[in-house]
Amino acid sequence: MKFTINLHSNEVGGYIERIPFIDEFERVGIDVWINEEGKLIGLPSTLRINDSERTIDIICGNIVFTRCDDEGNTIGLKDEDIELIKRSVQKKSINNSPTHKIE
């Protein structure tokens, strides 16, 4: 399957936004795509992102996980990516390291 902006938009139900600050996924090359207006249009909360002290963001609505090849093309996930995502999402919360501070 070829990944496109339209495919991502359909999956998240609106304009897409890549969120780069989830270290647990960034470290292994997983891209996280969400509906850019998820909070504004009242989509249900899906995942809470925490740093060592507090919740720094809440993702609302569907989430699409992908990776990129060496040329920057969006591609599918590896089996180990899927296992990592399942473990993280089942907790409904991800503890993020403080390397990416969100103000």
PDB file of N, CA and C in Angstrom:
ATOM      1  N   MET A   1       0.838  -1.167   0.000  1.00  0.00           N
ATOM      2  CA  MET A   1       0.000   0.000   0.000  1.00  0.00           C
ATOM      3  C   MET A   1       0.890   1.240   0.000  1.00  0.00           C
ATOM      4  N   LYS A   2       0.563   2.190  -0.842  1.00  0.00           N
ATOM      5  CA  LYS A   2       1.310   3.448  -0.892  1.00  0.00           C
ATOM      6  C   LYS A   2       0.673   4.432   0.081  1.00  0.00           C
ATOM      7  N   PHE A   3       1.512   4.993   0.940  1.00  0.00           N
ATOM      8  CA  PHE A   3       1.034   5.961   1.926  1.00  0.00           C
ATOM      9  C   PHE A   3       1.034   7.346   1.314  1.00  0.00           C
ATOM     10  N   THR A   4      -0.063   8.060   1.491  1.00  0.00           N
ATOM     11  CA  THR A   4      -0.180   9.414   0.946  1.00  0.00           C
ATOM     12  C   THR A   4      -0.818  10.326   1.987  1.00  0.00           C
ATOM     13  N   ILE A   5      -0.734  11.613   1.736  1.00  0.00           N
ATOM     14  CA  ILE A   5      -1.387  12.568   2.628  1.00  0.00           C
ATOM     15  C   ILE A   5      -2.886  12.294   2.685  1.00  0.00           C
ATOM     16  N   ASN A   6      -3.495  11.958   1.544  1.00  0.00           N
ATOM     17  CA  ASN A   6      -4.936  11.671   1.539  1.00  0.00           C
ATOM     18  C   ASN A   6      -5.267  10.467   2.407  1.00  0.00           C
ATOM     19  N   LEU A   7      -4.427   9.431   2.323  1.00  0.00           N
ATOM     20  CA  LEU A   7      -4.658   8.244   3.147  1.00  0.00           C
ATOM     21  C   LEU A   7      -4.577   8.623   4.623  1.00  0.00           C
ATOM     22  N   HIS A   8      -3.542   9.368   4.995  1.00  0.00           N
ATOM     23  CA  HIS A   8      -3.400   9.798   6.388  1.00  0.00           C
ATOM     24  C   HIS A   8      -4.593  10.656   6.806  1.00  0.00           C
ATOM     25  N   SER A   9      -4.993  11.595   5.962  1.00  0.00           N
ATOM     26  CA  SER A   9      -6.121  12.476   6.286  1.00  0.00           C
ATOM     27  C   SER A   9      -7.390  11.674   6.528  1.00  0.00           C
ATOM     28  N   ASN A  10      -7.620  10.678   5.693  1.00  0.00           N
ATOM     29  CA  ASN A  10      -8.801   9.832   5.868  1.00  0.00           C
ATOM     30  C   ASN A  10      -8.740   9.074   7.189  1.00  0.00           C
ATOM     31  N   GLU A  11      -7.570   8.581   7.540  1.00  0.00           N
ATOM     32  CA  GLU A  11      -7.423   7.785   8.760  1.00  0.00           C
ATOM     33  C   GLU A  11      -7.599   8.615  10.026  1.00  0.00           C
ATOM     34  N   VAL A  12      -7.121   9.856  10.030  1.00  0.00           N
ATOM     35  CA  VAL A  12      -7.254  10.689  11.234  1.00  0.00           C
ATOM     36  C   VAL A  12      -8.502  11.562  11.190  1.00  0.00           C
ATOM     37  N   GLY A  13      -9.185  11.595  10.061  1.00  0.00           N
ATOM     38  CA  GLY A  13     -10.437  12.335   9.964  1.00  0.00           C
ATOM     39  C   GLY A  13     -10.281  13.830   9.803  1.00  0.00           C
ATOM     40  N   GLY A  14      -9.224  14.262   9.147  1.00  0.00           N
ATOM     41  CA  GLY A  14      -9.032  15.700   8.938  1.00  0.00           C
ATOM     42  C   GLY A  14      -7.610  16.016   8.532  1.00  0.00           C
ATOM     43  N   TYR A  15      -7.220  17.270   8.749  1.00  0.00           N
ATOM     44  CA  TYR A  15      -5.859  17.694   8.418  1.00  0.00           C
ATOM     45  C   TYR A  15      -4.859  16.951   9.298  1.00  0.00           C
ATOM     46  N   ILE A  16      -3.772  16.495   8.678  1.00  0.00           N
ATOM     47  CA  ILE A  16      -2.800  15.722   9.445  1.00  0.00           C
ATOM     48  C   ILE A  16      -1.695  16.605  10.004  1.00  0.00           C
ATOM     49  N   GLU A  17      -1.163  16.158  11.116  1.00  0.00           N
ATOM     50  CA  GLU A  17      -0.019  16.803  11.738  1.00  0.00           C
ATOM     51  C   GLU A  17       0.897  15.700  12.257  1.00  0.00           C
ATOM     52  N   ARG A  18       2.184  15.822  11.953  1.00  0.00           N
ATOM     53  CA  ARG A  18       3.165  14.881  12.498  1.00  0.00           C
ATOM     54  C   ARG A  18       3.644  15.446  13.823  1.00  0.00           C
ATOM     55  N   ILE A  19       3.593  14.634  14.862  1.00  0.00           N
ATOM     56  CA  ILE A  19       4.078  15.119  16.152  1.00  0.00           C
ATOM     57  C   ILE A  19       5.436  14.485  16.446  1.00  0.00           C
ATOM     58  N   PRO A  20       6.458  15.323  16.552  1.00  0.00           N
ATOM     59  CA  PRO A  20       7.828  14.823  16.657  1.00  0.00           C
ATOM     60  C   PRO A  20       8.349  14.660  18.079  1.00  0.00           C
ATOM     61  N   PHE A  21       7.544  14.901  19.096  1.00  0.00           N
ATOM     62  CA  PHE A  21       8.110  14.983  20.435  1.00  0.00           C
ATOM     63  C   PHE A  21       7.892  13.750  21.302  1.00  0.00           C
ATOM     64  N   ILE A  22       7.488  12.636  20.725  1.00  0.00           N
ATOM     65  CA  ILE A  22       7.349  11.417  21.524  1.00  0.00           C
ATOM     66  C   ILE A  22       8.642  10.623  21.375  1.00  0.00           C
ATOM     67  N   ASP A  23       9.553  10.810  22.312  1.00  0.00           N
ATOM     68  CA  ASP A  23      10.892  10.229  22.220  1.00  0.00           C
ATOM     69  C   ASP A  23      10.879   8.714  22.081  1.00  0.00           C
ATOM     70  N   GLU A  24       9.952   8.056  22.758  1.00  0.00           N
ATOM     71  CA  GLU A  24       9.874   6.597  22.714  1.00  0.00           C
ATOM     72  C   GLU A  24       9.755   6.101  21.269  1.00  0.00           C
ATOM     73  N   PHE A  25       9.051   6.846  20.428  1.00  0.00           N
ATOM     74  CA  PHE A  25       8.878   6.465  19.029  1.00  0.00           C
ATOM     75  C   PHE A  25       9.947   7.078  18.134  1.00  0.00           C
ATOM     76  N   GLU A  26      10.303   8.326  18.378  1.00  0.00           N
ATOM     77  CA  GLU A  26      11.331   9.007  17.573  1.00  0.00           C
ATOM     78  C   GLU A  26      12.638   8.225  17.581  1.00  0.00           C
ATOM     79  N   ARG A  27      12.997   7.714  18.755  1.00  0.00           N
ATOM     80  CA  ARG A  27      14.256   6.996  18.934  1.00  0.00           C
ATOM     81  C   ARG A  27      14.398   5.822  17.967  1.00  0.00           C
ATOM     82  N   VAL A  28      13.295   5.173  17.644  1.00  0.00           N
ATOM     83  CA  VAL A  28      13.349   3.997  16.777  1.00  0.00           C
ATOM     84  C   VAL A  28      12.842   4.280  15.363  1.00  0.00           C
ATOM     85  N   GLY A  29      12.541   5.554  15.054  1.00  0.00           N
ATOM     86  CA  GLY A  29      12.169   5.927  13.691  1.00  0.00           C
ATOM     87  C   GLY A  29      10.695   5.819  13.353  1.00  0.00           C
ATOM     88  N   ILE A  30       9.839   5.795  14.367  1.00  0.00           N
ATOM     89  CA  ILE A  30       8.396   5.734  14.120  1.00  0.00           C
ATOM     90  C   ILE A  30       7.848   7.154  14.052  1.00  0.00           C
ATOM     91  N   ASP A  31       7.104   7.449  12.988  1.00  0.00           N
ATOM     92  CA  ASP A  31       6.436   8.742  12.841  1.00  0.00           C
ATOM     93  C   ASP A  31       5.015   8.630  13.385  1.00  0.00           C
ATOM     94  N   VAL A  32       4.568   9.678  14.058  1.00  0.00           N
ATOM     95  CA  VAL A  32       3.239   9.702  14.670  1.00  0.00           C
ATOM     96  C   VAL A  32       2.433  10.813  14.009  1.00  0.00           C
ATOM     97  N   TRP A  33       1.279  10.453  13.424  1.00  0.00           N
ATOM     98  CA  TRP A  33       0.420  11.395  12.705  1.00  0.00           C
ATOM     99  C   TRP A  33      -0.920  11.474  13.415  1.00  0.00           C
ATOM    100  N   ILE A  34      -1.418  12.702  13.591  1.00  0.00           N
ATOM    101  CA  ILE A  34      -2.706  12.903  14.259  1.00  0.00           C
ATOM    102  C   ILE A  34      -3.536  13.921  13.477  1.00  0.00           C
ATOM    103  N   ASN A  35      -4.786  14.075  13.891  1.00  0.00           N
ATOM    104  CA  ASN A  35      -5.641  15.126  13.343  1.00  0.00           C
ATOM    105  C   ASN A  35      -5.211  16.437  13.989  1.00  0.00           C
ATOM    106  N   GLU A  36      -4.771  17.365  13.170  1.00  0.00           N
ATOM    107  CA  GLU A  36      -4.254  18.650  13.646  1.00  0.00           C
ATOM    108  C   GLU A  36      -5.270  19.420  14.494  1.00  0.00           C
ATOM    109  N   GLU A  37      -6.549  19.208  14.239  1.00  0.00           N
ATOM    110  CA  GLU A  37      -7.598  19.937  14.955  1.00  0.00           C
ATOM    111  C   GLU A  37      -8.360  19.048  15.932  1.00  0.00           C
ATOM    112  N   GLY A  38      -7.780  17.891  16.269  1.00  0.00           N
ATOM    113  CA  GLY A  38      -8.477  16.914  17.105  1.00  0.00           C
ATOM    114  C   GLY A  38      -9.051  17.472  18.386  1.00  0.00           C
ATOM    115  N   LYS A  39      -8.263  18.268  19.094  1.00  0.00           N
ATOM    116  CA  LYS A  39      -8.751  18.866  20.348  1.00  0.00           C
ATOM    117  C   LYS A  39      -9.823  19.914  20.067  1.00  0.00           C
ATOM    118  N   LEU A  40      -9.592  20.723  19.041  1.00  0.00           N
ATOM    119  CA  LEU A  40     -10.512  21.824  18.733  1.00  0.00           C
ATOM    120  C   LEU A  40     -11.903  21.346  18.340  1.00  0.00           C
ATOM    121  N   ILE A  41     -11.970  20.204  17.652  1.00  0.00           N
ATOM    122  CA  ILE A  41     -13.275  19.716  17.194  1.00  0.00           C
ATOM    123  C   ILE A  41     -13.870  18.672  18.141  1.00  0.00           C
ATOM    124  N   GLY A  42     -13.224  18.474  19.284  1.00  0.00           N
ATOM    125  CA  GLY A  42     -13.795  17.624  20.320  1.00  0.00           C
ATOM    126  C   GLY A  42     -13.635  16.132  20.139  1.00  0.00           C
ATOM    127  N   LEU A  43     -12.595  15.699  19.433  1.00  0.00           N
ATOM    128  CA  LEU A  43     -12.362  14.263  19.325  1.00  0.00           C
ATOM    129  C   LEU A  43     -11.979  13.711  20.698  1.00  0.00           C
ATOM    130  N   PRO A  44     -12.299  12.447  20.957  1.00  0.00           N
ATOM    131  CA  PRO A  44     -12.000  11.880  22.280  1.00  0.00           C
ATOM    132  C   PRO A  44     -10.495  11.766  22.523  1.00  0.00           C
ATOM    133  N   SER A  45     -10.091  11.913  23.789  1.00  0.00           N
ATOM    134  CA  SER A  45      -8.670  11.775  24.106  1.00  0.00           C
ATOM    135  C   SER A  45      -8.251  10.324  23.902  1.00  0.00           C
ATOM    136  N   THR A  46      -7.079  10.156  23.329  1.00  0.00           N
ATOM    137  CA  THR A  46      -6.579   8.844  22.967  1.00  0.00           C
ATOM    138  C   THR A  46      -5.340   8.464  23.758  1.00  0.00           C
ATOM    139  N   LEU A  47      -4.435   9.421  23.933  1.00  0.00           N
ATOM    140  CA  LEU A  47      -3.138   9.113  24.523  1.00  0.00           C
ATOM    141  C   LEU A  47      -2.609  10.328  25.265  1.00  0.00           C
ATOM    142  N   ARG A  48      -2.145  10.105  26.477  1.00  0.00           N
ATOM    143  CA  ARG A  48      -1.560  11.173  27.283  1.00  0.00           C
ATOM    144  C   ARG A  48      -0.040  11.056  27.205  1.00  0.00           C
ATOM    145  N   ILE A  49       0.641  12.185  27.017  1.00  0.00           N
ATOM    146  CA  ILE A  49       2.100  12.205  26.941  1.00  0.00           C
ATOM    147  C   ILE A  49       2.618  12.938  28.170  1.00  0.00           C
ATOM    148  N   ASN A  50       3.474  12.259  28.927  1.00  0.00           N
ATOM    149  CA  ASN A  50       3.991  12.807  30.177  1.00  0.00           C
ATOM    150  C   ASN A  50       5.493  13.021  30.085  1.00  0.00           C
ATOM    151  N   ASP A  51       5.994  14.039  30.800  1.00  0.00           N
ATOM    152  CA  ASP A  51       7.428  14.101  31.041  1.00  0.00           C
ATOM    153  C   ASP A  51       7.626  13.621  32.479  1.00  0.00           C
ATOM    154  N   SER A  52       8.757  13.860  33.060  1.00  0.00           N
ATOM    155  CA  SER A  52       9.016  13.323  34.398  1.00  0.00           C
ATOM    156  C   SER A  52       8.155  13.973  35.476  1.00  0.00           C
ATOM    157  N   GLU A  53       7.548  15.113  35.180  1.00  0.00           N
ATOM    158  CA  GLU A  53       6.821  15.850  36.209  1.00  0.00           C
ATOM    159  C   GLU A  53       5.325  15.998  35.967  1.00  0.00           C
ATOM    160  N   ARG A  54       4.900  15.993  34.703  1.00  0.00           N
ATOM    161  CA  ARG A  54       3.499  16.330  34.440  1.00  0.00           C
ATOM    162  C   ARG A  54       3.078  15.851  33.054  1.00  0.00           C
ATOM    163  N   THR A  55       1.785  15.960  32.785  1.00  0.00           N
ATOM    164  CA  THR A  55       1.279  15.705  31.439  1.00  0.00           C
ATOM    165  C   THR A  55       1.635  16.903  30.577  1.00  0.00           C
ATOM    166  N   ILE A  56       2.272  16.642  29.422  1.00  0.00           N
ATOM    167  CA  ILE A  56       2.665  17.746  28.543  1.00  0.00           C
ATOM    168  C   ILE A  56       1.761  17.876  27.331  1.00  0.00           C
ATOM    169  N   ASP A  57       1.025  16.820  26.997  1.00  0.00           N
ATOM    170  CA  ASP A  57       0.074  16.918  25.892  1.00  0.00           C
ATOM    171  C   ASP A  57      -0.882  15.743  25.965  1.00  0.00           C
ATOM    172  N   ILE A  58      -2.026  15.919  25.349  1.00  0.00           N
ATOM    173  CA  ILE A  58      -3.003  14.847  25.199  1.00  0.00           C
ATOM    174  C   ILE A  58      -3.369  14.788  23.731  1.00  0.00           C
ATOM    175  N   ILE A  59      -3.232  13.614  23.151  1.00  0.00           N
ATOM    176  CA  ILE A  59      -3.604  13.416  21.752  1.00  0.00           C
ATOM    177  C   ILE A  59      -5.073  13.037  21.716  1.00  0.00           C
ATOM    178  N   CYS A  60      -5.814  13.678  20.816  1.00  0.00           N
ATOM    179  CA  CYS A  60      -7.242  13.405  20.669  1.00  0.00           C
ATOM    180  C   CYS A  60      -7.519  12.869  19.268  1.00  0.00           C
ATOM    181  N   GLY A  61      -8.294  11.811  19.195  1.00  0.00           N
ATOM    182  CA  GLY A  61      -8.662  11.229  17.908  1.00  0.00           C
ATOM    183  C   GLY A  61      -7.737  10.100  17.493  1.00  0.00           C
ATOM    184  N   ASN A  62      -7.923   9.660  16.251  1.00  0.00           N
ATOM    185  CA  ASN A  62      -7.127   8.559  15.714  1.00  0.00           C
ATOM    186  C   ASN A  62      -5.664   8.949  15.582  1.00  0.00           C
ATOM    187  N   ILE A  63      -4.805   7.946  15.685  1.00  0.00           N
ATOM    188  CA  ILE A  63      -3.367   8.126  15.513  1.00  0.00           C
ATOM    189  C   ILE A  63      -2.916   7.173  14.418  1.00  0.00           C
ATOM    190  N   VAL A  64      -2.079   7.658  13.499  1.00  0.00           N
ATOM    191  CA  VAL A  64      -1.487   6.816  12.465  1.00  0.00           C
ATOM    192  C   VAL A  64       0.011   6.748  12.737  1.00  0.00           C
ATOM    193  N   PHE A  65       0.543   5.535  12.771  1.00  0.00           N
ATOM    194  CA  PHE A  65       1.969   5.320  12.991  1.00  0.00           C
ATOM    195  C   PHE A  65       2.587   4.812  11.693  1.00  0.00           C
ATOM    196  N   THR A  66       3.686   5.421  11.266  1.00  0.00           N
ATOM    197  CA  THR A  66       4.395   4.991  10.058  1.00  0.00           C
ATOM    198  C   THR A  66       5.895   5.112  10.311  1.00  0.00           C
ATOM    199  N   ARG A  67       6.686   4.812   9.301  1.00  0.00           N
ATOM    200  CA  ARG A  67       8.118   5.113   9.312  1.00  0.00           C
ATOM    201  C   ARG A  67       8.483   5.664   7.948  1.00  0.00           C
ATOM    202  N   CYS A  68       9.734   6.083   7.790  1.00  0.00           N
ATOM    203  CA  CYS A  68      10.227   6.601   6.508  1.00  0.00           C
ATOM    204  C   CYS A  68      11.414   5.775   6.047  1.00  0.00           C
ATOM    205  N   ASP A  69      11.554   5.662   4.730  1.00  0.00           N
ATOM    206  CA  ASP A  69      12.753   5.013   4.200  1.00  0.00           C
ATOM    207  C   ASP A  69      13.869   6.051   4.070  1.00  0.00           C
ATOM    208  N   ASP A  70      15.009   5.637   3.524  1.00  0.00           N
ATOM    209  CA  ASP A  70      16.171   6.527   3.404  1.00  0.00           C
ATOM    210  C   ASP A  70      15.925   7.722   2.495  1.00  0.00           C
ATOM    211  N   GLU A  71      14.917   7.632   1.630  1.00  0.00           N
ATOM    212  CA  GLU A  71      14.613   8.730   0.709  1.00  0.00           C
ATOM    213  C   GLU A  71      13.489   9.626   1.234  1.00  0.00           C
ATOM    214  N   GLY A  72      13.017   9.358   2.444  1.00  0.00           N
ATOM    215  CA  GLY A  72      11.967  10.188   3.031  1.00  0.00           C
ATOM    216  C   GLY A  72      10.557   9.760   2.682  1.00  0.00           C
ATOM    217  N   ASN A  73      10.406   8.639   1.982  1.00  0.00           N
ATOM    218  CA  ASN A  73       9.075   8.135   1.644  1.00  0.00           C
ATOM    219  C   ASN A  73       8.454   7.453   2.857  1.00  0.00           C
ATOM    220  N   THR A  74       7.184   7.686   3.077  1.00  0.00           N
ATOM    221  CA  THR A  74       6.484   7.048   4.185  1.00  0.00           C
ATOM    222  C   THR A  74       6.256   5.584   3.851  1.00  0.00           C
ATOM    223  N   ILE A  75       6.604   4.718   4.793  1.00  0.00           N
ATOM    224  CA  ILE A  75       6.466   3.270   4.600  1.00  0.00           C
ATOM    225  C   ILE A  75       5.781   2.663   5.819  1.00  0.00           C
ATOM    226  N   GLY A  76       5.497   1.383   5.720  1.00  0.00           N
ATOM    227  CA  GLY A  76       4.842   0.678   6.818  1.00  0.00           C
ATOM    228  C   GLY A  76       5.781   0.395   7.980  1.00  0.00           C
ATOM    229  N   LEU A  77       5.225  -0.179   9.009  1.00  0.00           N
ATOM    230  CA  LEU A  77       5.954  -0.463  10.242  1.00  0.00           C
ATOM    231  C   LEU A  77       6.597  -1.842  10.214  1.00  0.00           C
ATOM    232  N   LYS A  78       7.600  -2.017  11.053  1.00  0.00           N
ATOM    233  CA  LYS A  78       8.210  -3.325  11.290  1.00  0.00           C
ATOM    234  C   LYS A  78       7.400  -4.021  12.387  1.00  0.00           C
ATOM    235  N   ASP A  79       7.529  -5.339  12.465  1.00  0.00           N
ATOM    236  CA  ASP A  79       6.805  -6.089  13.496  1.00  0.00           C
ATOM    237  C   ASP A  79       7.137  -5.582  14.898  1.00  0.00           C
ATOM    238  N   GLU A  80       8.422  -5.292  15.154  1.00  0.00           N
ATOM    239  CA  GLU A  80       8.802  -4.822  16.489  1.00  0.00           C
ATOM    240  C   GLU A  80       8.228  -3.435  16.795  1.00  0.00           C
ATOM    241  N   ASP A  81       8.004  -2.624  15.740  1.00  0.00           N
ATOM    242  CA  ASP A  81       7.353  -1.321  15.934  1.00  0.00           C
ATOM    243  C   ASP A  81       5.933  -1.521  16.456  1.00  0.00           C
ATOM    244  N   ILE A  82       5.246  -2.455  15.854  1.00  0.00           N
ATOM    245  CA  ILE A  82       3.854  -2.714  16.227  1.00  0.00           C
ATOM    246  C   ILE A  82       3.767  -3.156  17.683  1.00  0.00           C
ATOM    247  N   GLU A  83       4.700  -4.006  18.106  1.00  0.00           N
ATOM    248  CA  GLU A  83       4.706  -4.451  19.503  1.00  0.00           C
ATOM    249  C   GLU A  83       4.956  -3.287  20.456  1.00  0.00           C
ATOM    250  N   LEU A  84       5.899  -2.407  20.110  1.00  0.00           N
ATOM    251  CA  LEU A  84       6.183  -1.231  20.937  1.00  0.00           C
ATOM    252  C   LEU A  84       4.954  -0.326  21.030  1.00  0.00           C
ATOM    253  N   ILE A  85       4.314  -0.096  19.905  1.00  0.00           N
ATOM    254  CA  ILE A  85       3.121   0.760  19.882  1.00  0.00           C
ATOM    255  C   ILE A  85       2.009   0.145  20.725  1.00  0.00           C
ATOM    256  N   LYS A  86       1.779  -1.149  20.572  1.00  0.00           N
ATOM    257  CA  LYS A  86       0.734  -1.816  21.361  1.00  0.00           C
ATOM    258  C   LYS A  86       0.985  -1.653  22.852  1.00  0.00           C
ATOM    259  N   ARG A  87       2.225  -1.885  23.280  1.00  0.00           N
ATOM    260  CA  ARG A  87       2.541  -1.753  24.708  1.00  0.00           C
ATOM    261  C   ARG A  87       2.299  -0.326  25.187  1.00  0.00           C
ATOM    262  N   SER A  88       2.695   0.645  24.388  1.00  0.00           N
ATOM    263  CA  SER A  88       2.550   2.049  24.777  1.00  0.00           C
ATOM    264  C   SER A  88       1.093   2.478  24.811  1.00  0.00           C
ATOM    265  N   VAL A  89       0.354   2.122  23.790  1.00  0.00           N
ATOM    266  CA  VAL A  89      -1.031   2.573  23.672  1.00  0.00           C
ATOM    267  C   VAL A  89      -1.929   1.865  24.684  1.00  0.00           C
ATOM    268  N   GLN A  90      -1.633   0.627  25.017  1.00  0.00           N
ATOM    269  CA  GLN A  90      -2.440  -0.074  26.020  1.00  0.00           C
ATOM    270  C   GLN A  90      -2.401   0.638  27.358  1.00  0.00           C
ATOM    271  N   LYS A  91      -1.275   1.287  27.662  1.00  0.00           N
ATOM    272  CA  LYS A  91      -1.158   2.033  28.921  1.00  0.00           C
ATOM    273  C   LYS A  91      -1.945   3.339  28.866  1.00  0.00           C
ATOM    274  N   LYS A  92      -2.314   3.776  27.655  1.00  0.00           N
ATOM    275  CA  LYS A  92      -2.994   5.059  27.429  1.00  0.00           C
ATOM    276  C   LYS A  92      -2.139   6.242  27.881  1.00  0.00           C
ATOM    277  N   SER A  93      -0.847   5.990  28.086  1.00  0.00           N
ATOM    278  CA  SER A  93       0.035   7.043  28.561  1.00  0.00           C
ATOM    279  C   SER A  93       1.461   6.713  28.160  1.00  0.00           C
ATOM    280  N   ILE A  94       2.205   7.717  27.726  1.00  0.00           N
ATOM    281  CA  ILE A  94       3.604   7.539  27.365  1.00  0.00           C
ATOM    282  C   ILE A  94       4.426   8.488  28.214  1.00  0.00           C
ATOM    283  N   ASN A  95       5.438   7.949  28.875  1.00  0.00           N
ATOM    284  CA  ASN A  95       6.350   8.796  29.631  1.00  0.00           C
ATOM    285  C   ASN A  95       7.465   9.227  28.704  1.00  0.00           C
ATOM    286  N   ASN A  96       7.559  10.506  28.484  1.00  0.00           N
ATOM    287  CA  ASN A  96       8.517  11.090  27.557  1.00  0.00           C
ATOM    288  C   ASN A  96       9.721  11.592  28.331  1.00  0.00           C
ATOM    289  N   SER A  97      10.913  11.415  27.766  1.00  0.00           N
ATOM    290  CA  SER A  97      12.097  11.957  28.432  1.00  0.00           C
ATOM    291  C   SER A  97      12.107  13.467  28.274  1.00  0.00           C
ATOM    292  N   PRO A  98      12.812  14.170  29.126  1.00  0.00           N
ATOM    293  CA  PRO A  98      12.782  15.636  29.077  1.00  0.00           C
ATOM    294  C   PRO A  98      13.634  16.252  27.972  1.00  0.00           C
ATOM    295  N   THR A  99      14.060  15.490  26.968  1.00  0.00           N
ATOM    296  CA  THR A  99      14.896  16.063  25.913  1.00  0.00           C
ATOM    297  C   THR A  99      14.126  17.005  25.009  1.00  0.00           C
ATOM    298  N   HIS A 100      12.826  16.816  24.887  1.00  0.00           N
ATOM    299  CA  HIS A 100      11.989  17.704  24.078  1.00  0.00           C
ATOM    300  C   HIS A 100      11.034  18.437  25.003  1.00  0.00           C
ATOM    301  N   LYS A 101      11.393  19.601  25.433  1.00  0.00           N
ATOM    302  CA  LYS A 101      10.519  20.389  26.303  1.00  0.00           C
ATOM    303  C   LYS A 101       9.474  21.106  25.462  1.00  0.00           C
ATOM    304  N   ILE A 102       8.251  21.028  25.875  1.00  0.00           N
ATOM    305  CA  ILE A 102       7.164  21.726  25.196  1.00  0.00           C
ATOM    306  C   ILE A 102       6.702  22.831  26.124  1.00  0.00           C
ATOM    307  N   GLU A 103       6.752  24.040  25.648  1.00  0.00           N
ATOM    308  CA  GLU A 103       6.374  25.195  26.477  1.00  0.00           C
ATOM    309  C   GLU A 103       4.951  25.585  26.170  1.00  0.00           C
TER     310      GLU A 103
END
